[in-house]
């Protein structure tokens, strides 16, 4: 999973550079996913906790993305947006080791 998350962060960075006009939609979706994840997982969590939430995240993450950027289907790609958010969150886990 950590590899998927790191890949998501790279894909998001590349997508922002490749098409800066789309960055606004990506950023809105990422921000809302970040807020939703924080509500679901809390302030203190382990990588295992994060992995368990990730395993069940597809439906709620897609719903968040579609609701946040309804006209931007590219920003609904969870391998970009959600994986990037989980990658960022992983570094905040209580047991994070690079």
C-alpha atoms as a PDB file:
ATOM      1  CA  UNK A   1       0.000   0.000   0.000  1.00  0.00           C
ATOM      2  CA  UNK A   2       2.742   2.463   0.855  1.00  0.00           C
ATOM      3  CA  UNK A   3       4.056   2.057  -2.680  1.00  0.00           C
ATOM      4  CA  UNK A   4       0.594   2.832  -4.077  1.00  0.00           C
ATOM      5  CA  UNK A   5       0.397   5.906  -1.897  1.00  0.00           C
ATOM      6  CA  UNK A   6       3.842   7.140  -2.956  1.00  0.00           C
ATOM      7  CA  UNK A   7       2.929   6.492  -6.591  1.00  0.00           C
ATOM      8  CA  UNK A   8      -0.247   8.515  -6.083  1.00  0.00           C
ATOM      9  CA  UNK A   9       1.752  11.447  -4.759  1.00  0.00           C
ATOM     10  CA  UNK A  10       4.015  11.277  -7.828  1.00  0.00           C
ATOM     11  CA  UNK A  11       1.041  10.987 -10.201  1.00  0.00           C
ATOM     12  CA  UNK A  12      -0.631  13.990  -8.585  1.00  0.00           C
ATOM     13  CA  UNK A  13       2.530  16.104  -8.869  1.00  0.00           C
ATOM     14  CA  UNK A  14       2.948  15.074 -12.512  1.00  0.00           C
ATOM     15  CA  UNK A  15      -0.710  15.799 -13.318  1.00  0.00           C
ATOM     16  CA  UNK A  16      -0.428  19.287 -11.832  1.00  0.00           C
ATOM     17  CA  UNK A  17       2.621  20.025 -13.976  1.00  0.00           C
ATOM     18  CA  UNK A  18       1.246  18.397 -17.119  1.00  0.00           C
ATOM     19  CA  UNK A  19      -1.970  20.428 -17.063  1.00  0.00           C
ATOM     20  CA  UNK A  20      -1.907  23.387 -14.637  1.00  0.00           C
ATOM     21  CA  UNK A  21      -5.503  24.287 -15.550  1.00  0.00           C
ATOM     22  CA  UNK A  22      -6.644  21.040 -13.943  1.00  0.00           C
ATOM     23  CA  UNK A  23      -4.656  21.648 -10.755  1.00  0.00           C
ATOM     24  CA  UNK A  24      -7.509  23.649  -9.217  1.00  0.00           C
ATOM     25  CA  UNK A  25      -9.904  20.690  -9.396  1.00  0.00           C
ATOM     26  CA  UNK A  26      -7.241  18.276  -8.149  1.00  0.00           C
ATOM     27  CA  UNK A  27      -6.489  20.586  -5.232  1.00  0.00           C
ATOM     28  CA  UNK A  28     -10.161  20.917  -4.272  1.00  0.00           C
ATOM     29  CA  UNK A  29     -10.647  17.144  -4.329  1.00  0.00           C
ATOM     30  CA  UNK A  30      -7.436  16.499  -2.378  1.00  0.00           C
ATOM     31  CA  UNK A  31      -8.368  19.072   0.254  1.00  0.00           C
ATOM     32  CA  UNK A  32     -11.810  17.551   0.754  1.00  0.00           C
ATOM     33  CA  UNK A  33     -10.418  14.009   0.832  1.00  0.00           C
ATOM     34  CA  UNK A  34      -7.893  15.160   3.421  1.00  0.00           C
ATOM     35  CA  UNK A  35     -10.657  16.619   5.614  1.00  0.00           C
ATOM     36  CA  UNK A  36     -12.809  13.508   5.235  1.00  0.00           C
ATOM     37  CA  UNK A  37      -9.927  11.181   6.048  1.00  0.00           C
ATOM     38  CA  UNK A  38      -9.052  13.205   9.145  1.00  0.00           C
ATOM     39  CA  UNK A  39     -12.648  12.886  10.360  1.00  0.00           C
ATOM     40  CA  UNK A  40     -12.587   9.143   9.740  1.00  0.00           C
ATOM     41  CA  UNK A  41      -9.223   8.376  11.285  1.00  0.00           C
ATOM     42  CA  UNK A  42      -8.725  11.050  13.929  1.00  0.00           C
ATOM     43  CA  UNK A  43      -5.588  12.874  14.959  1.00  0.00           C
ATOM     44  CA  UNK A  44      -3.573   9.908  16.242  1.00  0.00           C
ATOM     45  CA  UNK A  45      -3.347   6.749  14.174  1.00  0.00           C
ATOM     46  CA  UNK A  46      -0.953   4.000  13.128  1.00  0.00           C
ATOM     47  CA  UNK A  47      -0.095   2.820   9.635  1.00  0.00           C
ATOM     48  CA  UNK A  48      -2.245  -0.241  10.300  1.00  0.00           C
ATOM     49  CA  UNK A  49      -5.197   2.011  11.163  1.00  0.00           C
ATOM     50  CA  UNK A  50      -4.592   3.952   7.964  1.00  0.00           C
ATOM     51  CA  UNK A  51      -4.361   0.760   5.903  1.00  0.00           C
ATOM     52  CA  UNK A  52      -7.690  -0.438   7.297  1.00  0.00           C
ATOM     53  CA  UNK A  53      -9.390   2.823   6.350  1.00  0.00           C
ATOM     54  CA  UNK A  54      -7.730   2.697   2.914  1.00  0.00           C
ATOM     55  CA  UNK A  55      -9.064  -0.810   2.294  1.00  0.00           C
ATOM     56  CA  UNK A  56     -12.609   0.532   2.696  1.00  0.00           C
ATOM     57  CA  UNK A  57     -12.087   3.945   1.094  1.00  0.00           C
ATOM     58  CA  UNK A  58     -13.030   3.466  -2.554  1.00  0.00           C
ATOM     59  CA  UNK A  59     -16.736   4.224  -2.273  1.00  0.00           C
ATOM     60  CA  UNK A  60     -16.557   7.194   0.081  1.00  0.00           C
ATOM     61  CA  UNK A  61     -13.490   8.657  -1.635  1.00  0.00           C
ATOM     62  CA  UNK A  62     -15.141   8.441  -5.051  1.00  0.00           C
ATOM     63  CA  UNK A  63     -18.267  10.065  -3.621  1.00  0.00           C
ATOM     64  CA  UNK A  64     -16.187  12.907  -2.166  1.00  0.00           C
ATOM     65  CA  UNK A  65     -14.329  13.417  -5.460  1.00  0.00           C
ATOM     66  CA  UNK A  66     -17.499  13.422  -7.560  1.00  0.00           C
ATOM     67  CA  UNK A  67     -19.298  15.764  -5.190  1.00  0.00           C
ATOM     68  CA  UNK A  68     -16.343  18.150  -4.924  1.00  0.00           C
ATOM     69  CA  UNK A  69     -15.508  18.376  -8.626  1.00  0.00           C
ATOM     70  CA  UNK A  70     -18.571  17.104 -10.514  1.00  0.00           C
ATOM     71  CA  UNK A  71     -17.443  18.327 -13.928  1.00  0.00           C
ATOM     72  CA  UNK A  72     -13.848  17.135 -13.628  1.00  0.00           C
ATOM     73  CA  UNK A  73     -13.838  13.369 -14.156  1.00  0.00           C
ATOM     74  CA  UNK A  74     -10.034  13.341 -14.258  1.00  0.00           C
ATOM     75  CA  UNK A  75     -10.014  14.446 -10.593  1.00  0.00           C
ATOM     76  CA  UNK A  76     -12.094  11.381  -9.671  1.00  0.00           C
ATOM     77  CA  UNK A  77      -9.148   9.067 -10.363  1.00  0.00           C
ATOM     78  CA  UNK A  78      -8.501   7.721  -6.878  1.00  0.00           C
ATOM     79  CA  UNK A  79      -5.099   6.355  -7.880  1.00  0.00           C
ATOM     80  CA  UNK A  80      -4.097  10.002  -8.132  1.00  0.00           C
ATOM     81  CA  UNK A  81      -6.126  11.898  -5.555  1.00  0.00           C
ATOM     82  CA  UNK A  82      -6.915   9.434  -2.766  1.00  0.00           C
ATOM     83  CA  UNK A  83      -3.585   7.642  -2.964  1.00  0.00           C
ATOM     84  CA  UNK A  84      -1.796  10.987  -2.668  1.00  0.00           C
ATOM     85  CA  UNK A  85      -3.864  11.894   0.399  1.00  0.00           C
ATOM     86  CA  UNK A  86      -3.137   8.548   2.046  1.00  0.00           C
ATOM     87  CA  UNK A  87       0.561   8.954   1.238  1.00  0.00           C
ATOM     88  CA  UNK A  88       0.589  12.315   2.954  1.00  0.00           C
ATOM     89  CA  UNK A  89      -1.313  10.905   5.936  1.00  0.00           C
ATOM     90  CA  UNK A  90       1.083   7.961   6.254  1.00  0.00           C
ATOM     91  CA  UNK A  91       3.901  10.332   7.138  1.00  0.00           C
ATOM     92  CA  UNK A  92       1.790  11.550  10.063  1.00  0.00           C
ATOM     93  CA  UNK A  93       1.192   8.051  11.465  1.00  0.00           C
ATOM     94  CA  UNK A  94       2.478   7.396  14.959  1.00  0.00           C
ATOM     95  CA  UNK A  95       4.645   4.531  13.686  1.00  0.00           C
ATOM     96  CA  UNK A  96       5.890   6.110  10.431  1.00  0.00           C
ATOM     97  CA  UNK A  97       9.368   5.064   9.396  1.00  0.00           C
ATOM     98  CA  UNK A  98      10.686   6.302   6.036  1.00  0.00           C
END
